[in-house]
PDB file of N, CA and C in Angstrom:
ATOM      1  N   MET A   1      35.622  39.697 -22.782  1.00  0.00           N
ATOM      2  CA  MET A   1      36.132  40.154 -24.049  1.00  0.00           C
ATOM      3  C   MET A   1      36.230  38.956 -25.002  1.00  0.00           C
ATOM      4  N   LEU A   2      35.877  39.153 -26.232  1.00  0.00           N
ATOM      5  CA  LEU A   2      35.788  38.065 -27.202  1.00  0.00           C
ATOM      6  C   LEU A   2      37.123  37.369 -27.442  1.00  0.00           C
ATOM      7  N   ILE A   3      38.190  38.123 -27.527  1.00  0.00           N
ATOM      8  CA  ILE A   3      39.489  37.509 -27.828  1.00  0.00           C
ATOM      9  C   ILE A   3      39.923  36.553 -26.713  1.00  0.00           C
ATOM     10  N   THR A   4      39.621  36.886 -25.471  1.00  0.00           N
ATOM     11  CA  THR A   4      39.960  35.974 -24.373  1.00  0.00           C
ATOM     12  C   THR A   4      38.989  34.793 -24.329  1.00  0.00           C
ATOM     13  N   ALA A   5      37.757  35.013 -24.740  1.00  0.00           N
ATOM     14  CA  ALA A   5      36.794  33.912 -24.806  1.00  0.00           C
ATOM     15  C   ALA A   5      37.227  32.888 -25.856  1.00  0.00           C
ATOM     16  N   ILE A   6      37.779  33.368 -26.946  1.00  0.00           N
ATOM     17  CA  ILE A   6      38.286  32.460 -27.980  1.00  0.00           C
ATOM     18  C   ILE A   6      39.471  31.670 -27.445  1.00  0.00           C
ATOM     19  N   ARG A   7      40.369  32.327 -26.746  1.00  0.00           N
ATOM     20  CA  ARG A   7      41.506  31.631 -26.124  1.00  0.00           C
ATOM     21  C   ARG A   7      41.009  30.570 -25.152  1.00  0.00           C
ATOM     22  N   ASP A   8      40.043  30.930 -24.319  1.00  0.00           N
ATOM     23  CA  ASP A   8      39.504  29.996 -23.336  1.00  0.00           C
ATOM     24  C   ASP A   8      38.810  28.805 -24.000  1.00  0.00           C
ATOM     25  N   TYR A   9      38.163  29.050 -25.123  1.00  0.00           N
ATOM     26  CA  TYR A   9      37.501  27.968 -25.857  1.00  0.00           C
ATOM     27  C   TYR A   9      38.530  26.958 -26.362  1.00  0.00           C
ATOM     28  N   ILE A  10      39.630  27.453 -26.921  1.00  0.00           N
ATOM     29  CA  ILE A  10      40.685  26.550 -27.404  1.00  0.00           C
ATOM     30  C   ILE A  10      41.288  25.784 -26.229  1.00  0.00           C
ATOM     31  N   GLN A  11      41.478  26.458 -25.108  1.00  0.00           N
ATOM     32  CA  GLN A  11      42.036  25.786 -23.929  1.00  0.00           C
ATOM     33  C   GLN A  11      41.097  24.677 -23.459  1.00  0.00           C
ATOM     34  N   LEU A  12      39.829  24.958 -23.408  1.00  0.00           N
ATOM     35  CA  LEU A  12      38.841  23.982 -22.952  1.00  0.00           C
ATOM     36  C   LEU A  12      38.734  22.789 -23.909  1.00  0.00           C
ATOM     37  N   GLN A  13      38.727  23.069 -25.199  1.00  0.00           N
ATOM     38  CA  GLN A  13      38.595  22.008 -26.201  1.00  0.00           C
ATOM     39  C   GLN A  13      39.901  21.253 -26.419  1.00  0.00           C
ATOM     40  N   GLY A  14      41.016  21.939 -26.227  1.00  0.00           N
ATOM     41  CA  GLY A  14      42.318  21.340 -26.491  1.00  0.00           C
ATOM     42  C   GLY A  14      42.738  21.483 -27.939  1.00  0.00           C
ATOM     43  N   ARG A  15      41.780  21.359 -28.840  1.00  0.00           N
ATOM     44  CA  ARG A  15      42.030  21.467 -30.284  1.00  0.00           C
ATOM     45  C   ARG A  15      40.714  21.822 -30.963  1.00  0.00           C
ATOM     46  N   ALA A  16      40.774  22.735 -31.918  1.00  0.00           N
ATOM     47  CA  ALA A  16      39.585  23.086 -32.697  1.00  0.00           C
ATOM     48  C   ALA A  16      40.021  23.664 -34.030  1.00  0.00           C
ATOM     49  N   ASN A  17      39.196  23.472 -35.049  1.00  0.00           N
ATOM     50  CA  ASN A  17      39.523  24.098 -36.323  1.00  0.00           C
ATOM     51  C   ASN A  17      38.814  25.447 -36.429  1.00  0.00           C
ATOM     52  N   LEU A  18      39.183  26.204 -37.437  1.00  0.00           N
ATOM     53  CA  LEU A  18      38.662  27.556 -37.611  1.00  0.00           C
ATOM     54  C   LEU A  18      37.140  27.565 -37.703  1.00  0.00           C
ATOM     55  N   GLN A  19      36.583  26.639 -38.443  1.00  0.00           N
ATOM     56  CA  GLN A  19      35.132  26.596 -38.612  1.00  0.00           C
ATOM     57  C   GLN A  19      34.413  26.289 -37.303  1.00  0.00           C
ATOM     58  N   ASP A  20      34.978  25.422 -36.484  1.00  0.00           N
ATOM     59  CA  ASP A  20      34.368  25.110 -35.187  1.00  0.00           C
ATOM     60  C   ASP A  20      34.325  26.339 -34.286  1.00  0.00           C
ATOM     61  N   VAL A  21      35.426  27.071 -34.251  1.00  0.00           N
ATOM     62  CA  VAL A  21      35.494  28.273 -33.412  1.00  0.00           C
ATOM     63  C   VAL A  21      34.509  29.320 -33.924  1.00  0.00           C
ATOM     64  N   ALA A  22      34.502  29.538 -35.225  1.00  0.00           N
ATOM     65  CA  ALA A  22      33.588  30.521 -35.811  1.00  0.00           C
ATOM     66  C   ALA A  22      32.133  30.146 -35.535  1.00  0.00           C
ATOM     67  N   ARG A  23      31.811  28.875 -35.684  1.00  0.00           N
ATOM     68  CA  ARG A  23      30.444  28.409 -35.438  1.00  0.00           C
ATOM     69  C   ARG A  23      30.060  28.595 -33.972  1.00  0.00           C
ATOM     70  N   HIS A  24      30.980  28.275 -33.070  1.00  0.00           N
ATOM     71  CA  HIS A  24      30.701  28.395 -31.639  1.00  0.00           C
ATOM     72  C   HIS A  24      30.366  29.837 -31.252  1.00  0.00           C
ATOM     73  N   PHE A  25      31.106  30.790 -31.812  1.00  0.00           N
ATOM     74  CA  PHE A  25      30.900  32.197 -31.468  1.00  0.00           C
ATOM     75  C   PHE A  25      29.957  32.915 -32.428  1.00  0.00           C
ATOM     76  N   ARG A  26      29.411  32.165 -33.384  1.00  0.00           N
ATOM     77  CA  ARG A  26      28.473  32.718 -34.370  1.00  0.00           C
ATOM     78  C   ARG A  26      29.079  33.911 -35.109  1.00  0.00           C
ATOM     79  N   LEU A  27      30.307  33.700 -35.569  1.00  0.00           N
ATOM     80  CA  LEU A  27      31.032  34.706 -36.330  1.00  0.00           C
ATOM     81  C   LEU A  27      31.521  34.081 -37.627  1.00  0.00           C
ATOM     82  N   SER A  28      31.942  34.939 -38.542  1.00  0.00           N
ATOM     83  CA  SER A  28      32.536  34.428 -39.777  1.00  0.00           C
ATOM     84  C   SER A  28      33.964  33.968 -39.504  1.00  0.00           C
ATOM     85  N   SER A  29      34.439  33.075 -40.331  1.00  0.00           N
ATOM     86  CA  SER A  29      35.821  32.604 -40.201  1.00  0.00           C
ATOM     87  C   SER A  29      36.804  33.754 -40.352  1.00  0.00           C
ATOM     88  N   SER A  30      36.478  34.693 -41.238  1.00  0.00           N
ATOM     89  CA  SER A  30      37.377  35.826 -41.460  1.00  0.00           C
ATOM     90  C   SER A  30      37.435  36.760 -40.253  1.00  0.00           C
ATOM     91  N   ALA A  31      36.428  36.739 -39.401  1.00  0.00           N
ATOM     92  CA  ALA A  31      36.454  37.545 -38.178  1.00  0.00           C
ATOM     93  C   ALA A  31      37.225  36.845 -37.065  1.00  0.00           C
ATOM     94  N   VAL A  32      37.161  35.534 -37.029  1.00  0.00           N
ATOM     95  CA  VAL A  32      37.793  34.753 -35.965  1.00  0.00           C
ATOM     96  C   VAL A  32      39.286  34.538 -36.208  1.00  0.00           C
ATOM     97  N   GLU A  33      39.664  34.360 -37.461  1.00  0.00           N
ATOM     98  CA  GLU A  33      41.051  34.017 -37.788  1.00  0.00           C
ATOM     99  C   GLU A  33      42.084  35.010 -37.250  1.00  0.00           C
ATOM    100  N   PRO A  34      41.886  36.327 -37.365  1.00  0.00           N
ATOM    101  CA  PRO A  34      42.885  37.248 -36.797  1.00  0.00           C
ATOM    102  C   PRO A  34      43.029  37.121 -35.280  1.00  0.00           C
ATOM    103  N   MET A  35      41.937  36.814 -34.596  1.00  0.00           N
ATOM    104  CA  MET A  35      42.013  36.652 -33.143  1.00  0.00           C
ATOM    105  C   MET A  35      42.768  35.381 -32.778  1.00  0.00           C
ATOM    106  N   LEU A  36      42.557  34.321 -33.529  1.00  0.00           N
ATOM    107  CA  LEU A  36      43.320  33.096 -33.305  1.00  0.00           C
ATOM    108  C   LEU A  36      44.799  33.325 -33.608  1.00  0.00           C
ATOM    109  N   ASN A  37      45.078  34.050 -34.683  1.00  0.00           N
ATOM    110  CA  ASN A  37      46.469  34.335 -35.033  1.00  0.00           C
ATOM    111  C   ASN A  37      47.163  35.194 -33.981  1.00  0.00           C
ATOM    112  N   PHE A  38      46.414  36.050 -33.295  1.00  0.00           N
ATOM    113  CA  PHE A  38      46.966  36.831 -32.188  1.00  0.00           C
ATOM    114  C   PHE A  38      47.526  35.892 -31.123  1.00  0.00           C
ATOM    115  N   TRP A  39      46.748  34.864 -30.778  1.00  0.00           N
ATOM    116  CA  TRP A  39      47.189  33.910 -29.752  1.00  0.00           C
ATOM    117  C   TRP A  39      48.313  33.010 -30.252  1.00  0.00           C
ATOM    118  N   VAL A  40      48.323  32.739 -31.549  1.00  0.00           N
ATOM    119  CA  VAL A  40      49.436  31.977 -32.132  1.00  0.00           C
ATOM    120  C   VAL A  40      50.728  32.772 -31.966  1.00  0.00           C
ATOM    121  N   LYS A  41      50.682  34.068 -32.271  1.00  0.00           N
ATOM    122  CA  LYS A  41      51.873  34.927 -32.140  1.00  0.00           C
ATOM    123  C   LYS A  41      52.325  35.044 -30.691  1.00  0.00           C
ATOM    124  N   LYS A  42      51.379  34.995 -29.760  1.00  0.00           N
ATOM    125  CA  LYS A  42      51.712  35.062 -28.329  1.00  0.00           C
ATOM    126  C   LYS A  42      52.279  33.745 -27.812  1.00  0.00           C
ATOM    127  N   GLY A  43      52.142  32.684 -28.594  1.00  0.00           N
ATOM    128  CA  GLY A  43      52.672  31.387 -28.191  1.00  0.00           C
ATOM    129  C   GLY A  43      51.761  30.585 -27.283  1.00  0.00           C
ATOM    130  N   VAL A  44      50.500  30.964 -27.230  1.00  0.00           N
ATOM    131  CA  VAL A  44      49.535  30.280 -26.368  1.00  0.00           C
ATOM    132  C   VAL A  44      48.890  29.098 -27.088  1.00  0.00           C
ATOM    133  N   ILE A  45      48.643  29.270 -28.372  1.00  0.00           N
ATOM    134  CA  ILE A  45      48.108  28.189 -29.188  1.00  0.00           C
ATOM    135  C   ILE A  45      49.008  28.001 -30.405  1.00  0.00           C
ATOM    136  N   LYS A  46      48.861  26.856 -31.037  1.00  0.00           N
ATOM    137  CA  LYS A  46      49.681  26.545 -32.207  1.00  0.00           C
ATOM    138  C   LYS A  46      48.770  26.189 -33.373  1.00  0.00           C
ATOM    139  N   LEU A  47      49.125  26.688 -34.537  1.00  0.00           N
ATOM    140  CA  LEU A  47      48.387  26.366 -35.752  1.00  0.00           C
ATOM    141  C   LEU A  47      49.017  25.138 -36.386  1.00  0.00           C
ATOM    142  N   ILE A  48      48.224  24.101 -36.564  1.00  0.00           N
ATOM    143  CA  ILE A  48      48.677  22.869 -37.200  1.00  0.00           C
ATOM    144  C   ILE A  48      47.993  22.780 -38.560  1.00  0.00           C
ATOM    145  N   LYS A  49      48.783  22.882 -39.617  1.00  0.00           N
ATOM    146  CA  LYS A  49      48.226  22.783 -40.965  1.00  0.00           C
ATOM    147  C   LYS A  49      48.514  21.406 -41.526  1.00  0.00           C
ATOM    148  N   ARG A  50      47.573  20.878 -42.231  1.00  0.00           N
ATOM    149  CA  ARG A  50      47.784  19.604 -42.921  1.00  0.00           C
ATOM    150  C   ARG A  50      48.368  19.901 -44.289  1.00  0.00           C
ATOM    151  N   ASP A  51      49.204  19.027 -44.740  1.00  0.00           N
ATOM    152  CA  ASP A  51      49.724  19.145 -46.097  1.00  0.00           C
ATOM    153  C   ASP A  51      49.369  17.879 -46.869  1.00  0.00           C
ATOM    154  N   LEU A  52      49.741  17.852 -48.113  1.00  0.00           N
ATOM    155  CA  LEU A  52      49.376  16.699 -48.944  1.00  0.00           C
ATOM    156  C   LEU A  52      49.956  15.396 -48.427  1.00  0.00           C
ATOM    157  N   LEU A  53      51.129  15.450 -47.803  1.00  0.00           N
ATOM    158  CA  LEU A  53      51.745  14.222 -47.307  1.00  0.00           C
ATOM    159  C   LEU A  53      50.975  13.633 -46.134  1.00  0.00           C
ATOM    160  N   THR A  54      50.463  14.485 -45.258  1.00  0.00           N
ATOM    161  CA  THR A  54      49.712  13.973 -44.111  1.00  0.00           C
ATOM    162  C   THR A  54      48.293  13.593 -44.494  1.00  0.00           C
ATOM    163  N   CYS A  55      47.806  14.170 -45.565  1.00  0.00           N
ATOM    164  CA  CYS A  55      46.432  13.899 -45.988  1.00  0.00           C
ATOM    165  C   CYS A  55      46.342  12.659 -46.868  1.00  0.00           C
ATOM    166  N   ALA A  56      47.278  12.471 -47.734  1.00  0.00           N
ATOM    167  CA  ALA A  56      47.192  11.433 -48.767  1.00  0.00           C
ATOM    168  C   ALA A  56      46.868  10.063 -48.186  1.00  0.00           C
ATOM    169  N   GLY A  57      45.767   9.508 -48.654  1.00  0.00           N
ATOM    170  CA  GLY A  57      45.394   8.159 -48.278  1.00  0.00           C
ATOM    171  C   GLY A  57      44.770   8.011 -46.909  1.00  0.00           C
ATOM    172  N   LYS A  58      44.756   9.045 -46.118  1.00  0.00           N
ATOM    173  CA  LYS A  58      44.215   8.915 -44.767  1.00  0.00           C
ATOM    174  C   LYS A  58      42.796   9.475 -44.664  1.00  0.00           C
ATOM    175  N   GLN A  59      42.504  10.510 -45.404  1.00  0.00           N
ATOM    176  CA  GLN A  59      41.188  11.122 -45.337  1.00  0.00           C
ATOM    177  C   GLN A  59      40.281  10.666 -46.480  1.00  0.00           C
ATOM    178  N   CYS A  60      40.877  10.458 -47.632  1.00  0.00           N
ATOM    179  CA  CYS A  60      40.102  10.131 -48.829  1.00  0.00           C
ATOM    180  C   CYS A  60      40.698   8.898 -49.492  1.00  0.00           C
ATOM    181  N   SER A  61      39.899   8.231 -50.268  1.00  0.00           N
ATOM    182  CA  SER A  61      40.450   7.098 -51.012  1.00  0.00           C
ATOM    183  C   SER A  61      41.268   7.571 -52.202  1.00  0.00           C
ATOM    184  N   THR A  62      40.932   8.745 -52.727  1.00  0.00           N
ATOM    185  CA  THR A  62      41.708   9.361 -53.802  1.00  0.00           C
ATOM    186  C   THR A  62      41.785  10.854 -53.544  1.00  0.00           C
ATOM    187  N   CYS A  63      42.797  11.483 -54.112  1.00  0.00           N
ATOM    188  CA  CYS A  63      42.940  12.931 -53.931  1.00  0.00           C
ATOM    189  C   CYS A  63      41.943  13.656 -54.826  1.00  0.00           C
ATOM    190  N   ILE A  64      41.142  14.492 -54.212  1.00  0.00           N
ATOM    191  CA  ILE A  64      40.183  15.292 -54.970  1.00  0.00           C
ATOM    192  C   ILE A  64      40.471  16.775 -54.782  1.00  0.00           C
ATOM    193  N   SER A  65      41.737  17.078 -54.490  1.00  0.00           N
ATOM    194  CA  SER A  65      42.196  18.462 -54.339  1.00  0.00           C
ATOM    195  C   SER A  65      41.397  19.216 -53.286  1.00  0.00           C
ATOM    196  N   CYS A  66      41.341  18.662 -52.111  1.00  0.00           N
ATOM    197  CA  CYS A  66      40.641  19.299 -50.993  1.00  0.00           C
ATOM    198  C   CYS A  66      41.305  20.624 -50.636  1.00  0.00           C
ATOM    199  N   ASN A  67      40.548  21.504 -50.048  1.00  0.00           N
ATOM    200  CA  ASN A  67      41.094  22.740 -49.507  1.00  0.00           C
ATOM    201  C   ASN A  67      41.692  22.395 -48.148  1.00  0.00           C
ATOM    202  N   LEU A  68      42.994  22.159 -48.112  1.00  0.00           N
ATOM    203  CA  LEU A  68      43.636  21.715 -46.875  1.00  0.00           C
ATOM    204  C   LEU A  68      43.625  22.783 -45.791  1.00  0.00           C
ATOM    205  N   ASP A  69      43.489  24.068 -46.173  1.00  0.00           N
ATOM    206  CA  ASP A  69      43.390  25.123 -45.164  1.00  0.00           C
ATOM    207  C   ASP A  69      42.153  24.929 -44.298  1.00  0.00           C
ATOM    208  N   ALA A  70      41.129  24.317 -44.859  1.00  0.00           N
ATOM    209  CA  ALA A  70      39.900  24.073 -44.103  1.00  0.00           C
ATOM    210  C   ALA A  70      40.121  23.062 -42.986  1.00  0.00           C
ATOM    211  N   TYR A  71      41.209  22.297 -43.059  1.00  0.00           N
ATOM    212  CA  TYR A  71      41.488  21.274 -42.062  1.00  0.00           C
ATOM    213  C   TYR A  71      42.563  21.689 -41.062  1.00  0.00           C
ATOM    214  N   ALA A  72      42.956  22.945 -41.089  1.00  0.00           N
ATOM    215  CA  ALA A  72      43.945  23.431 -40.129  1.00  0.00           C
ATOM    216  C   ALA A  72      43.314  23.439 -38.738  1.00  0.00           C
ATOM    217  N   SER A  73      44.105  23.089 -37.738  1.00  0.00           N
ATOM    218  CA  SER A  73      43.620  23.054 -36.355  1.00  0.00           C
ATOM    219  C   SER A  73      44.429  23.999 -35.487  1.00  0.00           C
ATOM    220  N   TYR A  74      43.781  24.528 -34.493  1.00  0.00           N
ATOM    221  CA  TYR A  74      44.439  25.344 -33.483  1.00  0.00           C
ATOM    222  C   TYR A  74      44.489  24.513 -32.212  1.00  0.00           C
ATOM    223  N   VAL A  75      45.689  24.387 -31.644  1.00  0.00           N
ATOM    224  CA  VAL A  75      45.923  23.497 -30.509  1.00  0.00           C
ATOM    225  C   VAL A  75      46.447  24.299 -29.330  1.00  0.00           C
ATOM    226  N   TRP A  76      45.904  24.037 -28.149  1.00  0.00           N
ATOM    227  CA  TRP A  76      46.368  24.672 -26.912  1.00  0.00           C
ATOM    228  C   TRP A  76      47.734  24.107 -26.550  1.00  0.00           C
ATOM    229  N   ILE A  77      48.724  24.970 -26.295  1.00  0.00           N
ATOM    230  CA  ILE A  77      50.067  24.469 -25.998  1.00  0.00           C
ATOM    231  C   ILE A  77      50.617  24.964 -24.678  1.00  0.00           C
ATOM    232  N   GLU A  78      49.914  25.791 -23.977  1.00  0.00           N
ATOM    233  CA  GLU A  78      50.451  26.344 -22.735  1.00  0.00           C
ATOM    234  C   GLU A  78      50.115  25.497 -21.545  1.00  0.00           C
TER     235      GLU A  78
END
């Protein structure tokens, strides 16, 4: 089943972002995100979002208003 395959992928990788998971399963991000959120609600994985404070000066030399949602990671916590 796809939803368990996604869980297993996060467990195997330890950490992955939405685009990596979508690319691996050859699905759109909008199709994968609800399945990842299912596991977040179950407490199996954790969503780590970056904010401006964690991004500033570490990723870019200047702020160019990046889409920080694109850098959110899903982390295996169980």
